Protein backbone atom coordinates (compact mmCIF):
# COMPACT_ATOMS: atom_id res chain seq x y z
CA MET A 1 -21.60 24.85 -21.22
CA ARG A 2 -21.58 22.14 -23.88
CA GLY A 3 -20.19 18.77 -22.89
CA LYS A 4 -20.56 19.28 -19.15
CA PRO A 5 -23.01 17.17 -17.09
CA VAL A 6 -26.31 18.85 -16.36
CA ARG A 7 -27.82 16.20 -14.08
CA MET A 8 -26.60 14.83 -10.77
CA ARG A 9 -27.87 11.50 -9.44
CA ARG A 10 -27.24 10.75 -5.76
CA VAL A 11 -27.28 6.97 -5.35
CA ALA A 12 -26.89 4.90 -2.17
CA LEU A 13 -25.63 1.31 -2.31
CA ALA A 14 -27.11 -0.95 0.39
CA GLY A 15 -26.53 -4.65 0.98
CA ASN A 16 -25.28 -7.44 3.22
CA PRO A 17 -21.56 -8.00 3.82
CA ASN A 18 -19.90 -10.19 1.16
CA VAL A 19 -22.42 -9.49 -1.62
CA GLY A 20 -19.82 -7.69 -3.74
CA LYS A 21 -21.16 -4.23 -2.90
CA SER A 22 -17.73 -2.67 -2.53
CA THR A 23 -16.62 -4.37 -5.76
CA LEU A 24 -19.64 -2.86 -7.51
CA PHE A 25 -18.83 0.52 -5.97
CA ASN A 26 -15.22 0.32 -7.18
CA ALA A 27 -16.27 -0.83 -10.64
CA LEU A 28 -18.70 2.08 -11.00
CA THR A 29 -16.44 4.80 -9.60
CA GLY A 30 -12.92 3.62 -10.45
CA LEU A 31 -10.40 5.69 -8.46
CA ARG A 32 -12.71 8.70 -8.21
CA GLN A 33 -13.42 7.98 -4.55
CA HIS A 34 -13.14 9.75 -1.22
CA THR A 35 -14.47 9.48 2.30
CA GLY A 36 -16.93 12.24 3.08
CA ASN A 37 -18.89 13.09 6.18
CA TRP A 38 -22.63 12.63 5.91
CA PRO A 39 -24.12 16.15 6.10
CA GLY A 40 -24.86 17.03 9.71
CA LYS A 41 -22.99 13.95 10.95
CA THR A 42 -19.38 13.03 11.74
CA VAL A 43 -19.76 9.55 10.23
CA GLY A 44 -17.38 8.96 7.32
CA LEU A 45 -18.83 7.11 4.32
CA ALA A 46 -17.10 6.06 1.13
CA GLN A 47 -18.27 8.14 -1.81
CA GLY A 48 -17.32 8.10 -5.47
CA ARG A 49 -18.39 9.60 -8.77
CA ALA A 50 -19.18 8.17 -12.18
CA ARG A 51 -20.09 9.98 -15.36
CA ARG A 52 -22.08 8.83 -18.37
CA GLY A 53 -22.95 11.28 -21.10
CA ARG A 54 -24.36 14.40 -19.51
CA THR A 55 -25.21 12.69 -16.23
CA GLU A 56 -22.98 12.49 -13.18
CA TYR A 57 -23.61 9.98 -10.40
CA LEU A 58 -22.52 10.36 -6.78
CA PHE A 59 -22.47 6.90 -5.18
CA THR A 60 -22.43 6.40 -1.40
CA ASP A 61 -21.29 2.97 -0.21
CA LEU A 62 -23.25 2.23 2.98
CA PRO A 63 -21.86 -0.21 5.60
CA GLY A 64 -22.72 -3.84 4.94
CA THR A 65 -25.62 -4.89 7.20
CA TYR A 66 -28.08 -7.75 7.59
CA THR A 67 -30.94 -5.59 8.84
CA LEU A 68 -31.92 -1.93 9.13
CA ASP A 69 -33.56 -2.47 12.53
CA GLY A 70 -30.56 -3.64 14.56
CA ALA A 71 -28.67 -1.74 17.22
CA SER A 72 -25.11 -2.01 15.89
CA GLU A 73 -23.31 1.08 14.63
CA ASP A 74 -23.28 -0.08 10.99
CA GLU A 75 -26.99 -0.88 11.04
CA ARG A 76 -27.79 2.47 12.64
CA ILE A 77 -25.75 4.36 10.04
CA ALA A 78 -27.33 2.53 7.09
CA GLY A 79 -30.87 2.90 8.47
CA GLU A 80 -30.52 6.60 9.26
CA PHE A 81 -28.91 7.39 5.90
CA LEU A 82 -31.74 5.73 3.98
CA LYS A 83 -34.23 7.60 6.13
CA ASP A 84 -32.81 11.10 5.64
CA GLY A 85 -29.73 10.75 3.43
CA ASP A 86 -31.43 12.62 0.59
CA SER A 87 -30.64 10.01 -2.11
CA ASP A 88 -32.33 10.13 -5.51
CA CYS A 89 -32.21 6.33 -5.72
CA VAL A 90 -31.18 3.33 -3.62
CA VAL A 91 -29.50 0.29 -5.17
CA ALA A 92 -30.21 -2.82 -3.05
CA VAL A 93 -27.35 -5.20 -3.84
CA CYS A 94 -28.09 -8.93 -3.54
CA ASP A 95 -25.90 -12.02 -3.80
CA ALA A 96 -27.21 -14.22 -6.61
CA SER A 97 -25.54 -17.26 -5.06
CA CYS A 98 -27.24 -16.66 -1.68
CA LEU A 99 -30.40 -14.84 -2.72
CA GLU A 100 -32.69 -15.74 0.19
CA ARG A 101 -30.43 -14.13 2.80
CA SER A 102 -29.95 -10.98 0.68
CA LEU A 103 -33.67 -10.54 0.06
CA ILE A 104 -34.40 -9.98 3.77
CA LEU A 105 -32.54 -6.65 3.72
CA THR A 106 -33.85 -5.84 0.24
CA LEU A 107 -37.45 -6.15 1.43
CA GLN A 108 -36.66 -3.77 4.31
CA VAL A 109 -35.23 -1.26 1.83
CA LEU A 110 -38.32 -1.58 -0.39
CA SER A 111 -40.54 -0.93 2.62
CA ARG A 112 -38.72 2.36 3.37
CA CYS A 113 -37.62 3.81 0.03
CA ARG A 114 -39.76 4.64 -3.01
CA ARG A 115 -37.04 4.73 -5.68
CA VAL A 116 -35.15 1.44 -5.59
CA VAL A 117 -33.23 -0.66 -8.10
CA VAL A 118 -32.52 -4.26 -7.07
CA CYS A 119 -29.05 -5.31 -8.26
CA VAL A 120 -28.53 -9.08 -8.29
CA ASN A 121 -24.74 -9.30 -8.20
CA LEU A 122 -22.32 -12.25 -8.41
CA MET A 123 -24.24 -13.88 -11.25
CA ASP A 124 -21.05 -15.66 -12.33
CA GLU A 125 -20.79 -17.22 -8.86
CA ALA A 126 -24.41 -18.41 -9.06
CA GLU A 127 -23.77 -19.97 -12.48
CA ARG A 128 -20.75 -21.88 -11.13
CA GLN A 129 -23.01 -23.29 -8.41
CA GLY A 130 -25.62 -24.40 -10.95
CA LEU A 131 -28.21 -21.82 -9.86
CA ARG A 132 -30.70 -20.29 -12.29
CA LEU A 133 -32.67 -17.12 -11.49
CA ASP A 134 -35.88 -15.95 -13.14
CA LEU A 135 -35.24 -12.19 -12.99
CA LYS A 136 -38.61 -11.27 -14.53
CA ALA A 137 -40.45 -13.24 -11.86
CA LEU A 138 -38.25 -11.66 -9.20
CA GLU A 139 -39.03 -8.19 -10.54
CA ALA A 140 -42.76 -8.90 -10.44
CA ALA A 141 -42.60 -10.28 -6.91
CA LEU A 142 -40.66 -7.31 -5.54
CA GLY A 143 -42.45 -4.58 -7.49
CA ALA A 144 -39.12 -2.95 -8.39
CA PRO A 145 -36.74 -3.16 -11.38
CA VAL A 146 -34.08 -5.89 -11.20
CA VAL A 147 -30.67 -5.80 -12.91
CA ALA A 148 -28.21 -8.71 -13.06
CA THR A 149 -24.49 -7.88 -12.68
CA SER A 150 -21.08 -9.49 -12.23
CA ALA A 151 -19.22 -6.47 -10.90
CA ASN A 152 -15.85 -8.21 -10.69
CA ARG A 153 -16.02 -8.71 -14.46
CA GLY A 154 -17.65 -5.39 -15.28
CA ARG A 155 -20.86 -7.01 -16.56
CA GLY A 156 -24.23 -5.29 -16.27
CA LEU A 157 -22.91 -1.89 -15.16
CA GLU A 158 -24.37 0.01 -18.13
CA ALA A 159 -27.75 -1.65 -17.62
CA LEU A 160 -27.63 -0.68 -13.96
CA LEU A 161 -26.93 2.99 -14.74
CA THR A 162 -29.74 2.98 -17.31
CA GLN A 163 -32.19 1.56 -14.78
CA ILE A 164 -31.08 4.12 -12.17
CA ASP A 165 -31.90 6.90 -14.65
CA ARG A 166 -35.33 5.41 -15.35
CA VAL A 167 -36.16 5.12 -11.67
CA CYS A 168 -34.98 8.67 -10.93
CA ASP A 169 -37.00 10.11 -13.85
CA GLY A 170 -40.08 7.94 -13.34
CA PRO A 171 -42.89 8.06 -10.78
CA GLU A 172 -42.36 6.98 -7.20
CA ARG A 173 -43.40 3.40 -6.46
CA PRO A 174 -45.58 2.62 -3.43
CA LEU A 175 -43.78 1.33 -0.36
CA GLY A 176 -43.78 -2.43 0.01
CA ARG A 177 -45.47 -4.07 2.96
CA TRP A 178 -44.20 -7.38 4.33
CA GLU A 179 -45.18 -8.35 7.85
CA ASP A 180 -42.57 -11.12 7.96
CA PRO A 181 -39.58 -10.32 5.67
CA VAL A 182 -37.96 -13.70 6.42
CA ALA A 183 -41.00 -15.72 5.30
CA ALA A 184 -41.53 -13.41 2.33
CA ALA A 185 -37.90 -13.83 1.21
CA GLU A 186 -38.24 -17.60 1.41
CA ALA A 187 -41.38 -17.52 -0.74
CA VAL A 188 -39.88 -15.16 -3.34
CA CYS A 189 -36.68 -17.16 -3.54
CA ALA A 190 -38.56 -20.46 -3.97
CA ALA A 191 -40.56 -18.98 -6.88
CA CYS A 192 -37.62 -17.34 -8.66
CA GLN A 193 -34.67 -19.70 -8.15
CA SER A 194 -33.90 -23.20 -9.37
CA ARG A 195 -30.80 -25.38 -9.55
CA ASP A 196 -29.60 -27.01 -12.76
CA SER A 197 -26.79 -29.04 -11.21
CA ALA A 198 -25.30 -29.98 -7.87
CA PRO A 199 -22.96 -27.46 -6.26
CA GLU A 200 -19.24 -27.93 -6.86
CA GLY A 201 -18.14 -30.66 -4.48
CA TRP A 202 -14.56 -29.49 -4.12
CA ARG A 203 -15.70 -26.25 -2.48
CA LEU A 204 -17.64 -28.13 0.19
CA ALA A 205 -14.73 -30.53 0.73
CA LEU A 206 -12.29 -27.62 1.06
CA ASP A 207 -14.55 -25.92 3.56
CA ARG A 208 -14.78 -29.07 5.66
CA VAL A 209 -10.98 -29.15 5.87
CA LEU A 210 -10.41 -25.45 6.52
CA VAL A 211 -12.95 -25.08 9.34
CA SER A 212 -12.19 -28.38 11.08
CA ARG A 213 -10.28 -28.32 14.36
CA ARG A 214 -8.03 -31.17 13.24
CA HIS A 215 -6.81 -29.73 9.94
CA GLY A 216 -7.99 -26.11 9.96
CA VAL A 217 -6.01 -24.98 13.00
CA PRO A 218 -2.60 -26.21 11.72
CA ILE A 219 -3.30 -24.67 8.31
CA LEU A 220 -4.29 -21.39 9.96
CA LEU A 221 -1.17 -21.31 12.15
CA ALA A 222 1.03 -22.10 9.15
CA LEU A 223 -0.56 -19.29 7.13
CA LEU A 224 -0.16 -16.82 9.97
CA PHE A 225 3.48 -17.86 10.41
CA VAL A 226 4.22 -17.36 6.71
CA ILE A 227 2.49 -13.97 6.62
CA VAL A 228 4.20 -12.73 9.79
CA TRP A 229 7.57 -14.10 8.66
CA LEU A 230 7.29 -12.44 5.26
CA THR A 231 6.16 -9.21 6.91
CA VAL A 232 8.80 -9.00 9.64
CA TRP A 233 11.85 -10.66 8.13
CA GLY A 234 10.92 -10.28 4.48
CA ALA A 235 10.86 -6.51 4.95
CA ASN A 236 14.48 -6.35 6.12
CA TYR A 237 16.10 -6.23 2.69
CA PRO A 238 13.79 -3.60 1.16
CA SER A 239 14.13 -1.61 4.39
CA GLU A 240 17.88 -1.74 4.01
CA LEU A 241 17.64 -0.63 0.38
CA LEU A 242 15.39 2.26 1.33
CA GLY A 243 17.81 3.16 4.11
CA ARG A 244 20.68 3.33 1.62
CA LEU A 245 18.58 5.42 -0.73
CA PHE A 246 17.72 7.85 2.06
CA ASP A 247 21.38 7.96 3.13
CA TRP A 248 22.29 8.96 -0.43
CA GLY A 249 19.59 11.62 -0.26
CA TYR A 250 20.97 12.77 3.10
CA ASP A 251 24.39 13.40 1.57
CA ARG A 252 22.93 15.19 -1.46
CA LEU A 253 20.65 17.33 0.69
CA THR A 254 23.50 18.25 3.02
CA GLY A 255 25.54 19.39 0.01
CA LEU A 256 22.66 21.42 -1.40
CA LEU A 257 22.20 23.22 1.91
CA ALA A 258 25.90 23.87 2.54
CA TRP A 259 25.20 27.59 2.26
CA ALA A 260 22.60 27.53 5.05
CA PRO A 261 23.34 28.32 8.72
CA TRP A 262 24.23 25.22 10.74
CA TRP A 263 21.02 25.35 12.76
CA LEU A 264 18.78 25.58 9.69
CA ARG A 265 20.66 22.74 8.01
CA GLY A 266 20.37 20.69 11.19
CA VAL A 267 16.64 21.28 11.55
CA LEU A 268 15.87 20.45 7.92
CA VAL A 269 18.32 17.61 7.27
CA ASP A 270 19.19 16.00 10.62
CA GLY A 271 15.78 16.66 12.13
CA LEU A 272 12.96 16.64 9.60
CA TYR A 273 14.56 14.57 6.81
CA ALA A 274 16.51 11.99 8.84
CA THR A 275 13.62 11.19 11.16
CA SER A 276 11.07 10.95 8.35
CA ALA A 277 13.43 8.80 6.28
CA ARG A 278 14.03 6.36 9.12
CA VAL A 279 10.31 6.03 9.83
CA ILE A 280 9.41 5.42 6.18
CA SER A 281 12.29 2.99 5.53
CA VAL A 282 11.18 0.81 8.46
CA MET A 283 7.39 1.21 8.20
CA LEU A 284 6.70 1.16 4.45
CA PRO A 285 8.16 -2.27 3.43
CA PRO A 286 6.25 -4.37 6.00
CA MET A 287 3.00 -2.61 5.15
CA ALA A 288 3.63 -3.08 1.43
CA ILE A 289 4.10 -6.81 2.08
CA PHE A 290 1.44 -7.38 4.71
CA PHE A 291 -1.48 -5.51 3.18
CA PRO A 292 -1.50 -7.36 -0.19
CA LEU A 293 -1.16 -10.75 1.55
CA PHE A 294 -3.92 -9.95 4.00
CA THR A 295 -6.13 -8.53 1.24
CA VAL A 296 -5.71 -11.76 -0.78
CA LEU A 297 -7.01 -13.78 2.19
CA GLU A 298 -9.86 -11.29 2.52
CA ASP A 299 -10.67 -11.41 -1.19
CA VAL A 300 -10.83 -15.19 -1.50
CA GLY A 301 -13.05 -15.49 1.59
CA TYR A 302 -10.59 -17.12 4.01
CA LEU A 303 -10.63 -14.45 6.75
CA PRO A 304 -14.11 -15.39 8.08
CA ARG A 305 -12.93 -18.99 8.31
CA MET A 306 -9.89 -17.91 10.32
CA ALA A 307 -12.20 -15.96 12.63
CA PHE A 308 -14.45 -19.00 13.02
CA LEU A 309 -11.55 -21.22 14.09
CA LEU A 310 -10.19 -18.67 16.57
CA ASP A 311 -13.52 -17.58 17.99
CA GLY A 312 -13.73 -20.20 20.75
CA CYS A 313 -10.31 -19.29 22.17
CA MET A 314 -10.92 -15.53 21.99
CA ALA A 315 -14.42 -15.83 23.45
CA LYS A 316 -12.92 -17.17 26.69
CA CYS A 317 -11.24 -13.79 27.23
CA GLY A 318 -14.25 -11.70 26.22
CA GLY A 319 -13.24 -11.23 22.58
CA CYS A 320 -14.11 -12.83 19.25
CA GLY A 321 -12.26 -14.62 16.48
CA LYS A 322 -11.88 -11.46 14.42
CA GLN A 323 -9.78 -9.87 17.17
CA ALA A 324 -7.15 -12.56 16.62
CA LEU A 325 -6.90 -11.37 13.02
CA THR A 326 -6.39 -7.77 14.12
CA LEU A 327 -3.63 -8.88 16.51
CA ALA A 328 -1.91 -10.59 13.58
CA MET A 329 -2.27 -7.37 11.60
CA GLY A 330 -0.68 -5.48 14.50
CA LEU A 331 2.49 -7.54 14.13
CA GLY A 332 3.10 -5.64 10.91
CA CYS A 333 1.92 -2.24 12.17
CA ASN A 334 -0.28 -1.41 15.16
CA ALA A 335 -1.94 1.42 13.23
CA VAL A 336 -2.91 -1.18 10.65
CA GLY A 337 -4.23 -3.46 13.39
CA VAL A 338 -6.34 -0.66 14.86
CA THR A 339 -7.79 0.15 11.43
CA GLY A 340 -8.46 -3.56 10.91
CA CYS A 341 -10.69 -3.60 14.00
CA ARG A 342 -13.45 -2.31 11.72
CA ILE A 343 -14.10 -5.94 10.77
CA ILE A 344 -15.36 -6.58 14.34
CA ASP A 345 -19.14 -6.09 14.43
CA SER A 346 -19.63 -5.81 18.19
CA PRO A 347 -18.95 -2.28 19.53
CA ARG A 348 -17.71 -3.73 22.83
CA GLU A 349 -15.27 -6.24 21.32
CA ARG A 350 -14.16 -3.68 18.73
CA LEU A 351 -13.24 -1.14 21.41
CA ALA A 352 -11.41 -3.76 23.50
CA ALA A 353 -9.44 -4.83 20.41
CA ILE A 354 -8.53 -1.21 19.58
CA LEU A 355 -7.32 -0.48 23.13
CA THR A 356 -5.13 -3.59 23.33
CA ASN A 357 -3.72 -3.95 19.81
CA ALA A 358 -0.50 -2.09 20.69
CA MET A 359 0.38 -4.88 23.13
CA VAL A 360 1.60 -7.05 20.27
CA PRO A 361 5.00 -5.94 18.95
CA CYS A 362 4.85 -4.13 15.62
CA ASN A 363 7.60 -4.22 13.02
CA GLY A 364 9.11 -1.05 14.51
CA ARG A 365 9.71 -2.78 17.84
CA PHE A 366 11.29 -5.94 16.48
CA PRO A 367 14.71 -4.31 15.79
CA THR A 368 15.02 -3.39 19.48
CA LEU A 369 13.91 -6.84 20.64
CA ILE A 370 16.25 -8.61 18.20
CA LEU A 371 19.25 -6.38 19.01
CA LEU A 372 18.93 -6.83 22.78
CA GLY A 373 18.10 -10.52 22.48
CA SER A 374 21.11 -11.32 20.31
CA LEU A 375 23.48 -9.13 22.37
CA PHE A 376 22.60 -10.26 25.90
CA PHE A 377 21.12 -13.71 25.21
CA PRO A 378 23.29 -15.13 22.37
CA GLY A 379 22.75 -18.46 20.63
CA LEU A 380 19.34 -20.06 20.70
CA GLY A 381 18.27 -17.78 23.52
CA ALA A 382 17.71 -14.81 21.22
CA PRO A 383 15.10 -16.27 18.82
CA VAL A 384 13.37 -18.10 21.68
CA LEU A 385 13.22 -14.87 23.70
CA VAL A 386 11.90 -12.82 20.76
CA ALA A 387 9.27 -15.47 20.01
CA GLY A 388 8.40 -15.47 23.70
CA CYS A 389 7.92 -11.69 23.55
CA VAL A 390 5.39 -12.13 20.74
CA MET A 391 3.48 -14.75 22.74
CA LEU A 392 3.64 -12.58 25.87
CA GLY A 393 2.22 -9.66 23.89
CA VAL A 394 -0.66 -11.76 22.55
CA LEU A 395 -1.42 -13.17 26.01
CA GLY A 396 -1.27 -9.65 27.48
CA ALA A 397 -3.71 -8.34 24.90
CA MET A 398 -6.09 -11.24 25.53
CA ALA A 399 -5.88 -10.84 29.32
CA VAL A 400 -6.50 -7.09 29.24
CA SER A 401 -9.35 -7.56 26.72
CA GLY A 402 -10.94 -10.04 29.10
CA ALA A 403 -10.54 -7.64 32.02
CA LEU A 404 -12.09 -4.78 30.02
CA THR A 405 -15.09 -6.73 28.72
CA GLY A 406 -15.69 -8.14 32.19
CA THR A 407 -15.52 -4.79 34.00
CA VAL A 408 -15.69 -1.30 32.45
CA LEU A 409 -17.13 -2.58 29.15
CA LYS A 410 -19.39 -5.20 30.73
CA ASN A 411 -22.62 -3.33 30.04
CA GLN A 412 -21.62 -2.13 26.58
CA GLU A 413 -23.63 -3.33 23.61
CA SER A 414 -22.37 -6.58 22.09
CA THR A 415 -23.42 -8.19 18.81
CA PHE A 416 -21.84 -11.02 16.85
CA ILE A 417 -22.64 -12.54 13.48
CA MET A 418 -20.48 -15.19 11.84
CA GLU A 419 -20.83 -15.85 8.12
CA LEU A 420 -18.78 -18.05 5.82
CA PRO A 421 -18.99 -16.58 2.31
CA PRO A 422 -18.19 -18.71 -0.74
CA PHE A 423 -14.61 -18.89 -1.99
CA ARG A 424 -13.89 -16.48 -4.82
CA ARG A 425 -11.00 -15.88 -7.19
CA PRO A 426 -8.73 -13.05 -6.03
CA ARG A 427 -8.88 -9.88 -8.14
CA ILE A 428 -5.23 -8.90 -8.38
CA GLY A 429 -5.80 -5.39 -9.74
CA GLN A 430 -8.26 -4.44 -7.02
CA ILE A 431 -6.07 -6.09 -4.38
CA LEU A 432 -3.11 -3.92 -5.37
CA ILE A 433 -5.23 -0.77 -5.44
CA ARG A 434 -6.89 -1.45 -2.09
CA SER A 435 -3.76 -2.67 -0.30
CA LEU A 436 -1.13 -0.29 -1.67
CA LEU A 437 -3.03 2.90 -2.45
CA ASP A 438 -5.96 2.85 -0.03
CA ARG A 439 -4.14 1.27 2.93
CA THR A 440 -0.32 1.34 2.72
CA LEU A 441 0.12 4.88 1.43
CA PHE A 442 -2.72 6.14 3.62
CA VAL A 443 -1.08 4.87 6.83
CA ALA A 444 2.40 5.97 5.68
CA GLY A 445 1.09 9.47 4.97
CA ARG A 446 -0.47 9.61 8.42
CA ALA A 447 2.89 8.57 9.94
CA LEU A 448 4.75 11.31 8.09
CA THR A 449 2.45 14.03 9.39
CA VAL A 450 3.67 13.16 12.89
CA ALA A 451 7.27 12.06 12.25
CA ALA A 452 8.35 15.16 10.32
CA PRO A 453 7.60 17.82 12.98
CA ALA A 454 8.69 15.43 15.74
CA GLY A 455 12.08 15.12 14.05
CA VAL A 456 12.55 18.88 14.31
CA VAL A 457 11.75 18.78 18.04
CA LEU A 458 14.11 15.83 18.52
CA TRP A 459 16.99 17.69 16.85
CA ILE A 460 16.43 20.78 18.99
CA LEU A 461 16.49 18.68 22.17
CA ALA A 462 19.61 16.81 21.07
CA ASN A 463 21.53 19.99 20.29
CA THR A 464 20.78 21.84 23.50
CA ARG A 465 21.21 21.07 27.18
CA LEU A 466 17.60 19.97 27.32
CA LEU A 467 18.51 16.37 26.40
CA SER A 468 20.95 15.85 29.28
CA LEU A 469 18.61 17.73 31.63
CA ALA A 470 15.72 15.43 30.71
CA VAL A 471 17.92 12.35 31.28
CA GLY A 472 18.68 13.55 34.82
CA LEU A 473 15.04 14.28 35.60
CA LEU A 474 13.86 10.88 34.39
CA ASP A 475 16.68 8.86 35.98
CA PRO A 476 14.94 8.15 39.34
CA LEU A 477 11.81 6.83 37.61
CA GLY A 478 13.93 4.89 35.13
CA ARG A 479 15.90 3.21 37.96
CA PHE A 480 12.64 2.35 39.72
CA LEU A 481 11.54 0.51 36.56
CA GLY A 482 14.84 -1.39 36.28
CA MET A 483 16.24 0.90 33.56
CA ASP A 484 17.64 4.45 33.70
CA GLY A 485 16.83 8.00 32.60
CA ALA A 486 18.45 7.71 29.15
CA ILE A 487 16.39 4.62 28.33
CA LEU A 488 13.15 6.18 29.52
CA LEU A 489 13.87 9.36 27.57
CA ALA A 490 14.52 7.30 24.45
CA PHE A 491 11.06 5.73 24.77
CA CYS A 492 9.52 9.19 25.25
CA LEU A 493 11.27 10.75 22.26
CA ALA A 494 10.49 7.71 20.10
CA LEU A 495 6.77 8.51 20.32
CA PRO A 496 6.65 9.35 16.57
CA ALA A 497 7.79 5.81 15.72
CA ASN A 498 8.98 2.85 17.79
CA GLU A 499 11.92 2.20 15.46
CA LEU A 500 13.54 5.42 16.77
CA THR A 501 14.03 4.01 20.29
CA VAL A 502 17.57 2.60 19.90
CA PRO A 503 18.91 5.48 17.74
CA VAL A 504 17.58 8.05 20.21
CA LEU A 505 19.07 6.05 23.09
CA LEU A 506 22.46 6.08 21.37
CA MET A 507 22.11 9.84 20.84
CA ALA A 508 21.49 10.28 24.57
CA LEU A 509 24.48 8.09 25.51
CA THR A 510 26.95 9.68 23.09
CA GLY A 511 25.66 13.23 22.97
CA GLY A 512 25.23 12.88 19.19
CA GLY A 513 23.37 15.70 17.52
CA SER A 514 21.39 13.66 14.98
CA LEU A 515 20.12 10.19 14.16
CA GLN A 516 22.56 10.04 11.27
CA SER A 517 25.55 10.60 13.55
CA VAL A 518 24.83 7.45 15.58
CA ALA A 519 24.13 5.17 12.59
CA GLY A 520 26.15 1.97 12.93
CA LEU A 521 26.65 2.23 16.68
CA GLY A 522 25.11 -0.55 18.74
CA GLY A 523 25.88 -3.27 21.24
CA GLU A 524 29.37 -2.22 22.33
CA LEU A 525 28.09 1.20 23.36
CA LEU A 526 25.33 -0.36 25.48
CA LEU A 527 27.82 -2.68 27.19
CA SER A 528 30.21 0.18 27.90
CA ALA A 529 27.30 2.12 29.42
CA GLY A 530 26.97 -0.54 32.12
CA TRP A 531 24.01 -2.52 30.77
CA THR A 532 23.40 -5.99 32.23
CA TRP A 533 21.14 -8.80 31.09
CA GLN A 534 18.66 -7.69 33.73
CA THR A 535 18.61 -4.19 32.22
CA ALA A 536 18.12 -5.65 28.75
CA LEU A 537 15.25 -7.85 29.94
CA CYS A 538 13.42 -4.88 31.51
CA VAL A 539 13.94 -2.84 28.34
CA MET A 540 12.57 -5.69 26.22
CA VAL A 541 9.48 -5.97 28.42
CA PHE A 542 8.92 -2.21 28.30
CA THR A 543 9.48 -2.28 24.53
CA LEU A 544 6.65 -4.79 24.39
CA PHE A 545 4.30 -2.94 26.76
CA HIS A 546 4.36 0.84 26.57
CA TRP A 547 2.42 3.60 24.86
CA PRO A 548 1.71 3.18 21.13
CA CYS A 549 3.47 5.34 18.57
CA SER A 550 1.85 8.63 17.64
CA THR A 551 0.62 7.22 14.32
CA THR A 552 -1.26 4.48 16.16
CA LEU A 553 -2.65 6.95 18.69
CA MET A 554 -3.83 9.18 15.85
CA THR A 555 -5.46 6.14 14.24
CA VAL A 556 -7.17 5.24 17.53
CA TYR A 557 -8.62 8.73 17.69
CA GLN A 558 -9.76 8.56 14.05
CA GLU A 559 -11.52 5.25 14.75
CA THR A 560 -13.12 6.21 18.09
CA ARG A 561 -13.43 10.01 17.84
CA SER A 562 -12.77 10.05 21.59
CA ILE A 563 -9.90 11.69 23.47
CA GLY A 564 -10.71 9.54 26.52
CA LYS A 565 -10.48 6.28 24.59
CA THR A 566 -7.27 7.44 22.93
CA ALA A 567 -5.84 8.22 26.38
CA ALA A 568 -6.87 4.73 27.51
CA ALA A 569 -4.98 3.24 24.54
CA PHE A 570 -1.93 5.21 25.76
CA PHE A 571 -2.06 4.34 29.46
CA LEU A 572 -3.27 0.70 29.41
CA PRO A 573 -0.15 -0.91 27.87
CA THR A 574 2.10 1.53 29.76
CA ALA A 575 0.58 0.47 33.07
CA VAL A 576 1.07 -3.20 32.21
CA GLY A 577 4.69 -2.59 31.19
CA GLY A 578 5.45 -0.54 34.30
CA ILE A 579 4.04 -3.20 36.64
CA LEU A 580 5.94 -6.01 34.88
CA CYS A 581 9.23 -4.05 34.96
CA ILE A 582 8.87 -3.34 38.68
CA MET A 583 8.18 -7.02 39.32
CA LEU A 584 11.24 -8.01 37.28
CA ARG A 585 13.45 -5.53 39.15
CA LEU A 586 12.32 -6.88 42.51
CA LEU A 587 12.57 -10.50 41.38
CA LEU A 588 16.01 -10.21 39.78
CA GLY A 589 17.45 -7.99 42.52
């Protein structure tokens, strides 16, 4: 039919990390993106479409790699896709400001693929550094067409699409042959690149400050404190507003379903709606704050510098600097921290970071820690104790990571590459899209798929004898851990989201039939139930170390595709918490 595309171009984007490949991908495809499995594989790759005239392009964004011959997962995926991914054309993306490094991978691509367009990106960055590139000479040296782009400004995209069409329609080029890609890249770069002026001195001076032990560490700690403070405490007010909004919706929904049988109204309103509303009101604000802040640091190039500063400390416990960043991400949401482990290149360190991320308290666990700390340890004791819980969680994650990498993961493959990319201006529009749409709403949607049906189950248990029966069955184990059956049941039923622990506990103590019916109840009820400071301390420790929420477990499975590793993420922190609680019970009498 007239007006519809008649040609499809399948294009793969290959390049090093930090060459602007994802920015180019986003600029070409806009929001027409999805993650699709490579045919015959279970590996998810970002794909997006673009249309120009009667031609449609399907772009596949390959993982950023430095070589196609390495043994890491990202290198294996990129190499295998280029070998049999059935692409019509490959775009080798280079960094104009760091051309020599980029050319090593480009030469490998040219030696394996016959239809290649070399995209020299970040031309604006090269100009700021006083670099001049002779693109015609570069094209002659590589034997492939070269296009200059500044993807963050939308420059050169039309020329790139035009060159892709020419390569797809033209004859296949012979494969390149370079015995030593490193030496060849040096020679090509020397012939094609010159410098008009000295690099900007302020960038070098800033780098010297940010990566120094004397100044860089205090700056890093201050930044982490601000981000965590904004995430944890800054989310309180919007969480409260969302809670009020959902309470208003609860009343309206109850009125609309006044005609329904009590059990149907209970399942839909008190079960499905109330549980989902509580999860979203607590989980959404911190993610909406944390993700944009973290993405800004990522966009300007500060995250690798943070990893560099923290690497020495984390290496002592078998990890790497990037794991410290994922632990900081876990303070907002452990599911976010697990997803963030993708930035860790080494398969061994990545797995250790995934399995231990839930040992740092997420935003859903802070209400429990703060409530018990302020109730049983008033005054300065409460903030000191809560801060101590955070430090204990971090130390626990580091200790368990060290134990894993030194024992069961000792023989696992380990790779590590540290690169400090140049500082770049943050792209606010892309930051908002990536942080709010691609990350915040994605994780929130995953949480809802678990919280909604779990709320129905919770309501059924609370409105039958099953709740009191379960309390009695769990009481011996709860007493052994320094708690009781109601507390242990609350942890079990709060699997959909950690923020449900205290409301479910109050339901168990009062016999309330819904989360809404116990809203506003708190410390006095716990005191009347016979709680002591020893009980509160055990509950705080178990709040810190127990199984992750179902959203985090689902995320662990999505990242590892392994039921065994997901089970390990469940049992590892639980074992640590159980041992610590038993020790506390014996120590405190």
